[in-house]
């Protein structure tokens, strides 16, 4: 995990595994990984990730909105990227050049804006470098 230094962007799916009962192995892995990273790097997320997390937890997992709001407070120590016009315009450029979805491009744009070195996500090609940010599937690491 030596590539994970400085700032690490956490994608929505990673956070969902922390609280989902659907996959206990992934839940344990993500919990151990985030616990090991909290004191070593700055953890980063964006308004998009926060919104997606809220929607999935309330709609798919049927967790009451107030409970999800309380869960969101657990990430107050994360740096928050507020998606703005610049973030969106950069995401459009990333989408065009890399031929990936706008939403994945928006994650990369936010991570770039925050000067992250790594994005932990299952949604993109692990090992790829886009905009100077390394994409890492958290389940393809040797160990948490």
C-alpha atoms as a PDB file:
ATOM      1  CA  UNK A   1       0.000   0.000   0.000  1.00  0.00           C
ATOM      2  CA  UNK A   2       2.978   2.312  -0.392  1.00  0.00           C
ATOM      3  CA  UNK A   3       1.162   4.139  -3.213  1.00  0.00           C
ATOM      4  CA  UNK A   4      -1.425   5.230  -0.641  1.00  0.00           C
ATOM      5  CA  UNK A   5       0.142   8.303   0.855  1.00  0.00           C
ATOM      6  CA  UNK A   6      -0.890  11.889   1.312  1.00  0.00           C
ATOM      7  CA  UNK A   7      -4.560  11.860   0.346  1.00  0.00           C
ATOM      8  CA  UNK A   8      -6.769   8.904  -0.593  1.00  0.00           C
ATOM      9  CA  UNK A   9     -10.195   9.416  -2.164  1.00  0.00           C
ATOM     10  CA  UNK A  10     -12.899   7.002  -0.989  1.00  0.00           C
ATOM     11  CA  UNK A  11     -15.604   6.125  -3.527  1.00  0.00           C
ATOM     12  CA  UNK A  12     -19.237   5.438  -2.640  1.00  0.00           C
ATOM     13  CA  UNK A  13     -19.163   1.658  -2.952  1.00  0.00           C
ATOM     14  CA  UNK A  14     -16.344   1.408  -0.404  1.00  0.00           C
ATOM     15  CA  UNK A  15     -18.376   3.354   2.175  1.00  0.00           C
ATOM     16  CA  UNK A  16     -21.504   1.334   1.497  1.00  0.00           C
ATOM     17  CA  UNK A  17     -19.647  -1.904   2.269  1.00  0.00           C
ATOM     18  CA  UNK A  18     -18.810  -0.499   5.717  1.00  0.00           C
ATOM     19  CA  UNK A  19     -22.504  -0.526   6.647  1.00  0.00           C
ATOM     20  CA  UNK A  20     -24.105  -3.083   4.357  1.00  0.00           C
ATOM     21  CA  UNK A  21     -24.979  -6.544   5.597  1.00  0.00           C
ATOM     22  CA  UNK A  22     -24.960  -7.919   2.023  1.00  0.00           C
ATOM     23  CA  UNK A  23     -21.304  -8.983   1.933  1.00  0.00           C
ATOM     24  CA  UNK A  24     -19.642  -9.608   5.280  1.00  0.00           C
ATOM     25  CA  UNK A  25     -16.226 -10.358   3.762  1.00  0.00           C
ATOM     26  CA  UNK A  26     -16.133  -6.998   1.962  1.00  0.00           C
ATOM     27  CA  UNK A  27     -17.497  -5.257   5.057  1.00  0.00           C
ATOM     28  CA  UNK A  28     -14.695  -6.627   7.229  1.00  0.00           C
ATOM     29  CA  UNK A  29     -12.056  -5.880   4.592  1.00  0.00           C
ATOM     30  CA  UNK A  30     -13.210  -2.260   4.158  1.00  0.00           C
ATOM     31  CA  UNK A  31     -13.460  -1.741   7.916  1.00  0.00           C
ATOM     32  CA  UNK A  32      -9.909  -3.007   8.434  1.00  0.00           C
ATOM     33  CA  UNK A  33      -8.574  -0.985   5.529  1.00  0.00           C
ATOM     34  CA  UNK A  34     -10.181   2.276   6.582  1.00  0.00           C
ATOM     35  CA  UNK A  35      -9.026   1.758  10.179  1.00  0.00           C
ATOM     36  CA  UNK A  36      -5.468   1.223   8.950  1.00  0.00           C
ATOM     37  CA  UNK A  37      -5.580   4.313   6.705  1.00  0.00           C
ATOM     38  CA  UNK A  38      -7.211   6.834   9.070  1.00  0.00           C
ATOM     39  CA  UNK A  39      -3.977   7.653  10.906  1.00  0.00           C
ATOM     40  CA  UNK A  40      -1.680   7.409   7.873  1.00  0.00           C
ATOM     41  CA  UNK A  41      -3.354   9.489   5.161  1.00  0.00           C
ATOM     42  CA  UNK A  42      -5.957  12.185   4.665  1.00  0.00           C
ATOM     43  CA  UNK A  43      -9.194  10.509   3.605  1.00  0.00           C
ATOM     44  CA  UNK A  44     -11.211  12.444   1.038  1.00  0.00           C
ATOM     45  CA  UNK A  45     -14.710  12.230  -0.393  1.00  0.00           C
ATOM     46  CA  UNK A  46     -16.970  14.554  -2.363  1.00  0.00           C
ATOM     47  CA  UNK A  47     -20.487  15.901  -2.247  1.00  0.00           C
ATOM     48  CA  UNK A  48     -21.338  13.421  -5.015  1.00  0.00           C
ATOM     49  CA  UNK A  49     -20.148  10.464  -2.904  1.00  0.00           C
ATOM     50  CA  UNK A  50     -22.046  11.792   0.106  1.00  0.00           C
ATOM     51  CA  UNK A  51     -25.249  12.094  -1.946  1.00  0.00           C
ATOM     52  CA  UNK A  52     -24.869   8.668  -3.567  1.00  0.00           C
ATOM     53  CA  UNK A  53     -24.207   7.071  -0.165  1.00  0.00           C
ATOM     54  CA  UNK A  54     -27.350   8.669   1.277  1.00  0.00           C
ATOM     55  CA  UNK A  55     -29.488   7.520  -1.629  1.00  0.00           C
ATOM     56  CA  UNK A  56     -28.241   3.912  -1.653  1.00  0.00           C
ATOM     57  CA  UNK A  57     -28.510   3.526   2.106  1.00  0.00           C
ATOM     58  CA  UNK A  58     -32.033   4.965   2.288  1.00  0.00           C
ATOM     59  CA  UNK A  59     -33.473   3.478  -0.911  1.00  0.00           C
ATOM     60  CA  UNK A  60     -31.694   0.143  -1.394  1.00  0.00           C
ATOM     61  CA  UNK A  61     -30.917  -0.702   2.234  1.00  0.00           C
ATOM     62  CA  UNK A  62     -34.035   0.952   3.702  1.00  0.00           C
ATOM     63  CA  UNK A  63     -32.174   2.710   6.486  1.00  0.00           C
ATOM     64  CA  UNK A  64     -34.122   5.669   7.868  1.00  0.00           C
ATOM     65  CA  UNK A  65     -32.873   9.067   6.676  1.00  0.00           C
ATOM     66  CA  UNK A  66     -32.016  10.293  10.188  1.00  0.00           C
ATOM     67  CA  UNK A  67     -29.916   7.181  10.823  1.00  0.00           C
ATOM     68  CA  UNK A  68     -28.015   7.734   7.559  1.00  0.00           C
ATOM     69  CA  UNK A  69     -27.531  11.371   8.524  1.00  0.00           C
ATOM     70  CA  UNK A  70     -25.966  10.178  11.789  1.00  0.00           C
ATOM     71  CA  UNK A  71     -23.748   7.706   9.884  1.00  0.00           C
ATOM     72  CA  UNK A  72     -22.535  10.538   7.657  1.00  0.00           C
ATOM     73  CA  UNK A  73     -21.228  12.282  10.781  1.00  0.00           C
ATOM     74  CA  UNK A  74     -18.749   9.409  11.201  1.00  0.00           C
ATOM     75  CA  UNK A  75     -16.882  10.820   8.200  1.00  0.00           C
ATOM     76  CA  UNK A  76     -16.507  14.352   9.526  1.00  0.00           C
ATOM     77  CA  UNK A  77     -12.739  13.843   9.609  1.00  0.00           C
ATOM     78  CA  UNK A  78     -12.707  13.266   5.829  1.00  0.00           C
ATOM     79  CA  UNK A  79     -11.772  16.190   3.621  1.00  0.00           C
ATOM     80  CA  UNK A  80     -14.844  17.113   1.575  1.00  0.00           C
ATOM     81  CA  UNK A  81     -14.592  18.223  -2.051  1.00  0.00           C
ATOM     82  CA  UNK A  82     -17.545  20.365  -3.028  1.00  0.00           C
ATOM     83  CA  UNK A  83     -18.288  19.744  -6.688  1.00  0.00           C
ATOM     84  CA  UNK A  84     -18.450  23.054  -8.503  1.00  0.00           C
ATOM     85  CA  UNK A  85     -18.376  24.262 -12.100  1.00  0.00           C
ATOM     86  CA  UNK A  86     -14.628  23.606 -12.391  1.00  0.00           C
ATOM     87  CA  UNK A  87     -15.036  20.056 -11.035  1.00  0.00           C
ATOM     88  CA  UNK A  88     -17.806  19.373 -13.540  1.00  0.00           C
ATOM     89  CA  UNK A  89     -15.944  20.869 -16.505  1.00  0.00           C
ATOM     90  CA  UNK A  90     -12.853  18.815 -15.670  1.00  0.00           C
ATOM     91  CA  UNK A  91     -15.053  15.715 -15.349  1.00  0.00           C
ATOM     92  CA  UNK A  92     -16.418  16.309 -18.846  1.00  0.00           C
ATOM     93  CA  UNK A  93     -12.858  16.474 -20.193  1.00  0.00           C
ATOM     94  CA  UNK A  94     -11.899  13.286 -18.298  1.00  0.00           C
ATOM     95  CA  UNK A  95     -14.994  11.535 -19.669  1.00  0.00           C
ATOM     96  CA  UNK A  96     -14.212  12.583 -23.229  1.00  0.00           C
ATOM     97  CA  UNK A  97     -10.540  11.591 -23.145  1.00  0.00           C
ATOM     98  CA  UNK A  98     -10.906   8.331 -21.183  1.00  0.00           C
ATOM     99  CA  UNK A  99     -14.308   7.181 -22.480  1.00  0.00           C
ATOM    100  CA  UNK A 100     -15.674   6.450 -19.013  1.00  0.00           C
ATOM    101  CA  UNK A 101     -18.963   7.467 -17.417  1.00  0.00           C
ATOM    102  CA  UNK A 102     -19.529  11.046 -16.377  1.00  0.00           C
ATOM    103  CA  UNK A 103     -20.122   9.965 -12.757  1.00  0.00           C
ATOM    104  CA  UNK A 104     -16.814   8.069 -12.581  1.00  0.00           C
ATOM    105  CA  UNK A 105     -15.145  11.059 -14.243  1.00  0.00           C
ATOM    106  CA  UNK A 106     -16.616  13.325 -11.588  1.00  0.00           C
ATOM    107  CA  UNK A 107     -15.024  11.168  -8.869  1.00  0.00           C
ATOM    108  CA  UNK A 108     -11.649  11.436 -10.614  1.00  0.00           C
ATOM    109  CA  UNK A 109     -12.085  15.178 -11.051  1.00  0.00           C
ATOM    110  CA  UNK A 110     -12.871  15.649  -7.351  1.00  0.00           C
ATOM    111  CA  UNK A 111      -9.874  13.502  -6.371  1.00  0.00           C
ATOM    112  CA  UNK A 112      -7.656  15.536  -8.682  1.00  0.00           C
ATOM    113  CA  UNK A 113      -8.991  18.775  -7.251  1.00  0.00           C
ATOM    114  CA  UNK A 114      -8.108  17.546  -3.739  1.00  0.00           C
ATOM    115  CA  UNK A 115      -4.644  16.445  -4.926  1.00  0.00           C
ATOM    116  CA  UNK A 116      -5.247  12.797  -4.006  1.00  0.00           C
ATOM    117  CA  UNK A 117      -2.717  10.144  -4.968  1.00  0.00           C
ATOM    118  CA  UNK A 118      -5.190   7.236  -4.958  1.00  0.00           C
ATOM    119  CA  UNK A 119      -8.886   6.506  -5.430  1.00  0.00           C
ATOM    120  CA  UNK A 120     -10.234   3.398  -3.710  1.00  0.00           C
ATOM    121  CA  UNK A 121     -13.030   2.137  -5.973  1.00  0.00           C
ATOM    122  CA  UNK A 122     -14.384  -1.014  -7.543  1.00  0.00           C
ATOM    123  CA  UNK A 123     -15.894   0.936 -10.424  1.00  0.00           C
ATOM    124  CA  UNK A 124     -12.785   1.685 -12.483  1.00  0.00           C
ATOM    125  CA  UNK A 125      -9.824  -0.259 -13.870  1.00  0.00           C
ATOM    126  CA  UNK A 126      -7.575  -1.029 -10.928  1.00  0.00           C
ATOM    127  CA  UNK A 127      -3.974  -0.062 -11.561  1.00  0.00           C
ATOM    128  CA  UNK A 128      -4.831   2.635 -14.079  1.00  0.00           C
ATOM    129  CA  UNK A 129      -3.492   6.163 -13.695  1.00  0.00           C
ATOM    130  CA  UNK A 130      -5.849   8.966 -14.770  1.00  0.00           C
ATOM    131  CA  UNK A 131      -5.110  12.658 -14.230  1.00  0.00           C
ATOM    132  CA  UNK A 132      -2.175  11.614 -12.039  1.00  0.00           C
ATOM    133  CA  UNK A 133      -4.439   9.669  -9.656  1.00  0.00           C
ATOM    134  CA  UNK A 134      -3.898   5.928  -9.167  1.00  0.00           C
ATOM    135  CA  UNK A 135      -7.094   3.833  -9.293  1.00  0.00           C
ATOM    136  CA  UNK A 136      -7.089   0.971  -6.796  1.00  0.00           C
ATOM    137  CA  UNK A 137      -9.725  -1.689  -6.274  1.00  0.00           C
ATOM    138  CA  UNK A 138      -9.685  -2.131  -2.478  1.00  0.00           C
ATOM    139  CA  UNK A 139     -10.281  -5.869  -2.903  1.00  0.00           C
ATOM    140  CA  UNK A 140      -7.207  -6.356  -5.058  1.00  0.00           C
ATOM    141  CA  UNK A 141      -4.797  -5.254  -2.344  1.00  0.00           C
ATOM    142  CA  UNK A 142      -2.458  -7.825  -0.795  1.00  0.00           C
ATOM    143  CA  UNK A 143      -3.710  -7.048   2.696  1.00  0.00           C
ATOM    144  CA  UNK A 144      -5.496  -4.256   4.550  1.00  0.00           C
END
